[in-house]
Amino acid sequence: MKLRTTAEGDEFLEFHERQTKTRTGENLGDYRKVNPKMCGVNSPRDSIAMYKAYSAKRPDGFSISMMIHFT
């Protein structure tokens, strides 16, 4: 997951998926053509604000390969 900014200055989260159980790797063309994105909303449950708060508090040495899950 990566925090990105549009040309207009709007922030969004871009997901980078790894291979899943349903995508075995046998068919090299079996991947998403566009990475899923999540835009922030102006509410107390804003996903961008939650991601920023989480990333500011995560421990030193946190691996980028560890996953963050929003519920």
PDB file of N, CA and C in Angstrom:
ATOM      1  N   MET A   1       0.852  -1.156   0.000  1.00  0.00           N
ATOM      2  CA  MET A   1       0.000   0.000   0.000  1.00  0.00           C
ATOM      3  C   MET A   1       0.903   1.225   0.000  1.00  0.00           C
ATOM      4  N   LYS A   2       0.543   2.189  -0.812  1.00  0.00           N
ATOM      5  CA  LYS A   2       1.352   3.400  -0.924  1.00  0.00           C
ATOM      6  C   LYS A   2       0.443   4.620  -0.951  1.00  0.00           C
ATOM      7  N   LEU A   3       0.810   5.645  -0.189  1.00  0.00           N
ATOM      8  CA  LEU A   3       0.071   6.903  -0.188  1.00  0.00           C
ATOM      9  C   LEU A   3       0.557   7.733  -1.368  1.00  0.00           C
ATOM     10  N   ARG A   4      -0.362   8.122  -2.228  1.00  0.00           N
ATOM     11  CA  ARG A   4      -0.022   8.887  -3.428  1.00  0.00           C
ATOM     12  C   ARG A   4      -0.851  10.167  -3.465  1.00  0.00           C
ATOM     13  N   THR A   5      -0.462  11.080  -4.350  1.00  0.00           N
ATOM     14  CA  THR A   5      -1.164  12.349  -4.520  1.00  0.00           C
ATOM     15  C   THR A   5      -1.419  12.586  -5.996  1.00  0.00           C
ATOM     16  N   THR A   6      -2.629  13.053  -6.325  1.00  0.00           N
ATOM     17  CA  THR A   6      -2.969  13.380  -7.709  1.00  0.00           C
ATOM     18  C   THR A   6      -2.371  14.732  -8.080  1.00  0.00           C
ATOM     19  N   ALA A   7      -2.462  15.091  -9.347  1.00  0.00           N
ATOM     20  CA  ALA A   7      -1.967  16.391  -9.815  1.00  0.00           C
ATOM     21  C   ALA A   7      -2.723  17.540  -9.153  1.00  0.00           C
ATOM     22  N   GLU A   8      -3.985  17.290  -8.768  1.00  0.00           N
ATOM     23  CA  GLU A   8      -4.801  18.315  -8.107  1.00  0.00           C
ATOM     24  C   GLU A   8      -4.514  18.412  -6.613  1.00  0.00           C
ATOM     25  N   GLY A   9      -3.691  17.499  -6.067  1.00  0.00           N
ATOM     26  CA  GLY A   9      -3.355  17.526  -4.650  1.00  0.00           C
ATOM     27  C   GLY A   9      -4.193  16.607  -3.788  1.00  0.00           C
ATOM     28  N   ASP A  10      -5.099  15.830  -4.381  1.00  0.00           N
ATOM     29  CA  ASP A  10      -5.916  14.888  -3.616  1.00  0.00           C
ATOM     30  C   ASP A  10      -5.092  13.641  -3.297  1.00  0.00           C
ATOM     31  N   GLU A  11      -5.221  13.144  -2.066  1.00  0.00           N
ATOM     32  CA  GLU A  11      -4.477  11.958  -1.655  1.00  0.00           C
ATOM     33  C   GLU A  11      -5.317  10.709  -1.855  1.00  0.00           C
ATOM     34  N   PHE A  12      -4.644   9.596  -2.151  1.00  0.00           N
ATOM     35  CA  PHE A  12      -5.304   8.303  -2.265  1.00  0.00           C
ATOM     36  C   PHE A  12      -4.307   7.214  -1.917  1.00  0.00           C
ATOM     37  N   LEU A  13      -4.834   6.056  -1.521  1.00  0.00           N
ATOM     38  CA  LEU A  13      -4.002   4.893  -1.241  1.00  0.00           C
ATOM     39  C   LEU A  13      -4.047   3.980  -2.454  1.00  0.00           C
ATOM     40  N   GLU A  14      -2.889   3.509  -2.876  1.00  0.00           N
ATOM     41  CA  GLU A  14      -2.811   2.586  -4.003  1.00  0.00           C
ATOM     42  C   GLU A  14      -2.314   1.244  -3.478  1.00  0.00           C
ATOM     43  N   PHE A  15      -3.047   0.188  -3.803  1.00  0.00           N
ATOM     44  CA  PHE A  15      -2.711  -1.147  -3.344  1.00  0.00           C
ATOM     45  C   PHE A  15      -1.847  -1.854  -4.374  1.00  0.00           C
ATOM     46  N   HIS A  16      -0.868  -2.578  -3.880  1.00  0.00           N
ATOM     47  CA  HIS A  16      -0.028  -3.411  -4.735  1.00  0.00           C
ATOM     48  C   HIS A  16      -0.209  -4.838  -4.238  1.00  0.00           C
ATOM     49  N   GLU A  17      -0.932  -5.628  -5.010  1.00  0.00           N
ATOM     50  CA  GLU A  17      -1.251  -6.980  -4.581  1.00  0.00           C
ATOM     51  C   GLU A  17      -0.149  -7.953  -4.958  1.00  0.00           C
ATOM     52  N   ARG A  18       0.028  -8.935  -4.112  1.00  0.00           N
ATOM     53  CA  ARG A  18       0.921 -10.033  -4.437  1.00  0.00           C
ATOM     54  C   ARG A  18       0.079 -11.196  -4.955  1.00  0.00           C
ATOM     55  N   GLN A  19       0.720 -12.241  -5.389  1.00  0.00           N
ATOM     56  CA  GLN A  19       0.019 -13.413  -5.912  1.00  0.00           C
ATOM     57  C   GLN A  19      -0.907 -13.986  -4.837  1.00  0.00           C
ATOM     58  N   THR A  20      -2.091 -14.432  -5.238  1.00  0.00           N
ATOM     59  CA  THR A  20      -3.055 -14.985  -4.291  1.00  0.00           C
ATOM     60  C   THR A  20      -3.250 -16.468  -4.546  1.00  0.00           C
ATOM     61  N   LYS A  21      -4.057 -17.092  -3.700  1.00  0.00           N
ATOM     62  CA  LYS A  21      -4.329 -18.516  -3.881  1.00  0.00           C
ATOM     63  C   LYS A  21      -5.055 -18.793  -5.193  1.00  0.00           C
ATOM     64  N   THR A  22      -5.871 -17.855  -5.630  1.00  0.00           N
ATOM     65  CA  THR A  22      -6.620 -18.076  -6.867  1.00  0.00           C
ATOM     66  C   THR A  22      -5.808 -17.729  -8.104  1.00  0.00           C
ATOM     67  N   ARG A  23      -4.708 -17.019  -7.922  1.00  0.00           N
ATOM     68  CA  ARG A  23      -3.804 -16.707  -9.039  1.00  0.00           C
ATOM     69  C   ARG A  23      -2.502 -17.454  -8.789  1.00  0.00           C
ATOM     70  N   THR A  24      -2.365 -18.583  -9.439  1.00  0.00           N
ATOM     71  CA  THR A  24      -1.253 -19.486  -9.148  1.00  0.00           C
ATOM     72  C   THR A  24       0.050 -19.084  -9.804  1.00  0.00           C
ATOM     73  N   GLY A  25       0.024 -18.219 -10.780  1.00  0.00           N
ATOM     74  CA  GLY A  25       1.231 -17.834 -11.482  1.00  0.00           C
ATOM     75  C   GLY A  25       1.464 -18.620 -12.753  1.00  0.00           C
ATOM     76  N   GLU A  26       0.612 -19.629 -13.002  1.00  0.00           N
ATOM     77  CA  GLU A  26       0.758 -20.419 -14.227  1.00  0.00           C
ATOM     78  C   GLU A  26       0.494 -19.569 -15.460  1.00  0.00           C
ATOM     79  N   ASN A  27      -0.488 -18.684 -15.367  1.00  0.00           N
ATOM     80  CA  ASN A  27      -0.820 -17.797 -16.477  1.00  0.00           C
ATOM     81  C   ASN A  27      -0.232 -16.424 -16.159  1.00  0.00           C
ATOM     82  N   LEU A  28       0.852 -16.059 -16.836  1.00  0.00           N
ATOM     83  CA  LEU A  28       1.531 -14.798 -16.528  1.00  0.00           C
ATOM     84  C   LEU A  28       0.686 -13.574 -16.842  1.00  0.00           C
ATOM     85  N   GLY A  29      -0.330 -13.718 -17.682  1.00  0.00           N
ATOM     86  CA  GLY A  29      -1.212 -12.601 -17.997  1.00  0.00           C
ATOM     87  C   GLY A  29      -2.334 -12.427 -16.996  1.00  0.00           C
ATOM     88  N   ASP A  30      -2.373 -13.276 -15.963  1.00  0.00           N
ATOM     89  CA  ASP A  30      -3.444 -13.247 -14.967  1.00  0.00           C
ATOM     90  C   ASP A  30      -3.055 -12.315 -13.817  1.00  0.00           C
ATOM     91  N   TYR A  31      -3.175 -11.025 -14.050  1.00  0.00           N
ATOM     92  CA  TYR A  31      -2.893 -10.029 -13.023  1.00  0.00           C
ATOM     93  C   TYR A  31      -3.781  -8.819 -13.273  1.00  0.00           C
ATOM     94  N   ARG A  32      -3.911  -7.982 -12.266  1.00  0.00           N
ATOM     95  CA  ARG A  32      -4.732  -6.776 -12.427  1.00  0.00           C
ATOM     96  C   ARG A  32      -4.014  -5.782 -13.321  1.00  0.00           C
ATOM     97  N   LYS A  33      -4.721  -5.256 -14.289  1.00  0.00           N
ATOM     98  CA  LYS A  33      -4.142  -4.268 -15.199  1.00  0.00           C
ATOM     99  C   LYS A  33      -3.986  -2.911 -14.502  1.00  0.00           C
ATOM    100  N   VAL A  34      -4.870  -2.637 -13.541  1.00  0.00           N
ATOM    101  CA  VAL A  34      -4.851  -1.376 -12.799  1.00  0.00           C
ATOM    102  C   VAL A  34      -4.863  -1.710 -11.310  1.00  0.00           C
ATOM    103  N   ASN A  35      -3.981  -1.092 -10.551  1.00  0.00           N
ATOM    104  CA  ASN A  35      -3.964  -1.322  -9.109  1.00  0.00           C
ATOM    105  C   ASN A  35      -5.184  -0.675  -8.463  1.00  0.00           C
ATOM    106  N   PRO A  36      -5.825  -1.378  -7.504  1.00  0.00           N
ATOM    107  CA  PRO A  36      -6.967  -0.790  -6.805  1.00  0.00           C
ATOM    108  C   PRO A  36      -6.545   0.451  -6.021  1.00  0.00           C
ATOM    109  N   LYS A  37      -7.440   1.419  -5.946  1.00  0.00           N
ATOM    110  CA  LYS A  37      -7.162   2.675  -5.253  1.00  0.00           C
ATOM    111  C   LYS A  37      -8.293   3.003  -4.287  1.00  0.00           C
ATOM    112  N   MET A  38      -7.966   3.716  -3.212  1.00  0.00           N
ATOM    113  CA  MET A  38      -8.958   4.139  -2.239  1.00  0.00           C
ATOM    114  C   MET A  38      -8.756   5.627  -1.982  1.00  0.00           C
ATOM    115  N   CYS A  39      -9.795   6.404  -2.182  1.00  0.00           N
ATOM    116  CA  CYS A  39      -9.740   7.853  -1.966  1.00  0.00           C
ATOM    117  C   CYS A  39     -10.267   8.186  -0.581  1.00  0.00           C
ATOM    118  N   GLY A  40      -9.787   9.270  -0.031  1.00  0.00           N
ATOM    119  CA  GLY A  40     -10.248   9.717   1.272  1.00  0.00           C
ATOM    120  C   GLY A  40     -11.593  10.415   1.178  1.00  0.00           C
ATOM    121  N   VAL A  41     -12.297  10.417   2.285  1.00  0.00           N
ATOM    122  CA  VAL A  41     -13.584  11.113   2.378  1.00  0.00           C
ATOM    123  C   VAL A  41     -13.540  12.012   3.608  1.00  0.00           C
ATOM    124  N   ASN A  42     -14.341  13.029   3.610  1.00  0.00           N
ATOM    125  CA  ASN A  42     -14.364  13.962   4.733  1.00  0.00           C
ATOM    126  C   ASN A  42     -15.315  13.442   5.802  1.00  0.00           C
ATOM    127  N   SER A  43     -14.823  12.493   6.608  1.00  0.00           N
ATOM    128  CA  SER A  43     -15.627  11.931   7.689  1.00  0.00           C
ATOM    129  C   SER A  43     -14.691  11.429   8.784  1.00  0.00           C
ATOM    130  N   PRO A  44     -15.221  11.110   9.964  1.00  0.00           N
ATOM    131  CA  PRO A  44     -14.377  10.573  11.038  1.00  0.00           C
ATOM    132  C   PRO A  44     -13.745   9.224  10.679  1.00  0.00           C
ATOM    133  N   ARG A  45     -14.292   8.528   9.692  1.00  0.00           N
ATOM    134  CA  ARG A  45     -13.764   7.226   9.294  1.00  0.00           C
ATOM    135  C   ARG A  45     -12.934   7.317   8.010  1.00  0.00           C
ATOM    136  N   ASP A  46     -12.307   8.437   7.784  1.00  0.00           N
ATOM    137  CA  ASP A  46     -11.503   8.657   6.586  1.00  0.00           C
ATOM    138  C   ASP A  46     -10.327   7.681   6.556  1.00  0.00           C
ATOM    139  N   SER A  47     -10.247   6.883   5.508  1.00  0.00           N
ATOM    140  CA  SER A  47      -9.215   5.857   5.404  1.00  0.00           C
ATOM    141  C   SER A  47      -7.818   6.458   5.260  1.00  0.00           C
ATOM    142  N   ILE A  48      -7.693   7.598   4.614  1.00  0.00           N
ATOM    143  CA  ILE A  48      -6.393   8.250   4.456  1.00  0.00           C
ATOM    144  C   ILE A  48      -5.886   8.733   5.818  1.00  0.00           C
ATOM    145  N   ALA A  49      -6.761   9.343   6.610  1.00  0.00           N
ATOM    146  CA  ALA A  49      -6.380   9.810   7.946  1.00  0.00           C
ATOM    147  C   ALA A  49      -6.005   8.627   8.843  1.00  0.00           C
ATOM    148  N   MET A  50      -6.744   7.516   8.750  1.00  0.00           N
ATOM    149  CA  MET A  50      -6.415   6.329   9.543  1.00  0.00           C
ATOM    150  C   MET A  50      -5.053   5.776   9.149  1.00  0.00           C
ATOM    151  N   TYR A  51      -4.777   5.726   7.855  1.00  0.00           N
ATOM    152  CA  TYR A  51      -3.484   5.222   7.383  1.00  0.00           C
ATOM    153  C   TYR A  51      -2.338   6.101   7.881  1.00  0.00           C
ATOM    154  N   LYS A  52      -2.519   7.419   7.819  1.00  0.00           N
ATOM    155  CA  LYS A  52      -1.478   8.337   8.287  1.00  0.00           C
ATOM    156  C   LYS A  52      -1.237   8.171   9.792  1.00  0.00           C
ATOM    157  N   ALA A  53      -2.312   8.045  10.574  1.00  0.00           N
ATOM    158  CA  ALA A  53      -2.178   7.857  12.019  1.00  0.00           C
ATOM    159  C   ALA A  53      -1.481   6.535  12.321  1.00  0.00           C
ATOM    160  N   TYR A  54      -1.861   5.489  11.606  1.00  0.00           N
ATOM    161  CA  TYR A  54      -1.251   4.174  11.805  1.00  0.00           C
ATOM    162  C   TYR A  54       0.237   4.205  11.449  1.00  0.00           C
ATOM    163  N   SER A  55       0.579   4.779  10.302  1.00  0.00           N
ATOM    164  CA  SER A  55       1.975   4.773   9.873  1.00  0.00           C
ATOM    165  C   SER A  55       2.850   5.635  10.783  1.00  0.00           C
ATOM    166  N   ALA A  56       2.279   6.663  11.400  1.00  0.00           N
ATOM    167  CA  ALA A  56       3.044   7.496  12.328  1.00  0.00           C
ATOM    168  C   ALA A  56       3.342   6.760  13.635  1.00  0.00           C
ATOM    169  N   LYS A  57       2.500   5.792  14.006  1.00  0.00           N
ATOM    170  CA  LYS A  57       2.648   5.088  15.279  1.00  0.00           C
ATOM    171  C   LYS A  57       3.277   3.710  15.151  1.00  0.00           C
ATOM    172  N   ARG A  58       3.498   3.236  13.947  1.00  0.00           N
ATOM    173  CA  ARG A  58       4.042   1.883  13.815  1.00  0.00           C
ATOM    174  C   ARG A  58       5.483   1.841  14.315  1.00  0.00           C
ATOM    175  N   PRO A  59       5.914   0.670  14.795  1.00  0.00           N
ATOM    176  CA  PRO A  59       7.238   0.560  15.409  1.00  0.00           C
ATOM    177  C   PRO A  59       8.375   0.718  14.395  1.00  0.00           C
ATOM    178  N   ASP A  60       9.549   1.093  14.918  1.00  0.00           N
ATOM    179  CA  ASP A  60      10.741   1.174  14.070  1.00  0.00           C
ATOM    180  C   ASP A  60      11.055  -0.216  13.520  1.00  0.00           C
ATOM    181  N   GLY A  61      11.555  -0.268  12.311  1.00  0.00           N
ATOM    182  CA  GLY A  61      11.884  -1.548  11.699  1.00  0.00           C
ATOM    183  C   GLY A  61      10.683  -2.277  11.144  1.00  0.00           C
ATOM    184  N   PHE A  62       9.567  -1.589  11.054  1.00  0.00           N
ATOM    185  CA  PHE A  62       8.360  -2.203  10.513  1.00  0.00           C
ATOM    186  C   PHE A  62       8.610  -2.589   9.066  1.00  0.00           C
ATOM    187  N   SER A  63       8.327  -3.826   8.735  1.00  0.00           N
ATOM    188  CA  SER A  63       8.571  -4.323   7.379  1.00  0.00           C
ATOM    189  C   SER A  63       7.490  -3.845   6.436  1.00  0.00           C
ATOM    190  N   ILE A  64       7.900  -3.386   5.264  1.00  0.00           N
ATOM    191  CA  ILE A  64       6.944  -2.925   4.260  1.00  0.00           C
ATOM    192  C   ILE A  64       6.085  -4.084   3.758  1.00  0.00           C
ATOM    193  N   SER A  65       6.587  -5.316   3.899  1.00  0.00           N
ATOM    194  CA  SER A  65       5.821  -6.467   3.424  1.00  0.00           C
ATOM    195  C   SER A  65       4.712  -6.864   4.391  1.00  0.00           C
ATOM    196  N   MET A  66       4.737  -6.331   5.630  1.00  0.00           N
ATOM    197  CA  MET A  66       3.649  -6.613   6.570  1.00  0.00           C
ATOM    198  C   MET A  66       2.394  -5.904   6.083  1.00  0.00           C
ATOM    199  N   MET A  67       1.272  -6.534   6.275  1.00  0.00           N
ATOM    200  CA  MET A  67       0.025  -6.001   5.743  1.00  0.00           C
ATOM    201  C   MET A  67      -0.707  -5.171   6.788  1.00  0.00           C
ATOM    202  N   ILE A  68      -1.435  -4.188   6.328  1.00  0.00           N
ATOM    203  CA  ILE A  68      -2.341  -3.405   7.163  1.00  0.00           C
ATOM    204  C   ILE A  68      -3.754  -3.744   6.711  1.00  0.00           C
ATOM    205  N   HIS A  69      -4.644  -3.995   7.658  1.00  0.00           N
ATOM    206  CA  HIS A  69      -6.009  -4.384   7.327  1.00  0.00           C
ATOM    207  C   HIS A  69      -6.983  -3.411   7.980  1.00  0.00           C
ATOM    208  N   PHE A  70      -7.826  -2.802   7.186  1.00  0.00           N
ATOM    209  CA  PHE A  70      -8.897  -1.955   7.698  1.00  0.00           C
ATOM    210  C   PHE A  70     -10.155  -2.793   7.782  1.00  0.00           C
ATOM    211  N   THR A  71     -10.880  -2.689   8.900  1.00  0.00           N
ATOM    212  CA  THR A  71     -12.136  -3.434   9.026  1.00  0.00           C
ATOM    213  C   THR A  71     -13.285  -2.487   9.186  1.00  0.00           C
TER     214      THR A  71
END
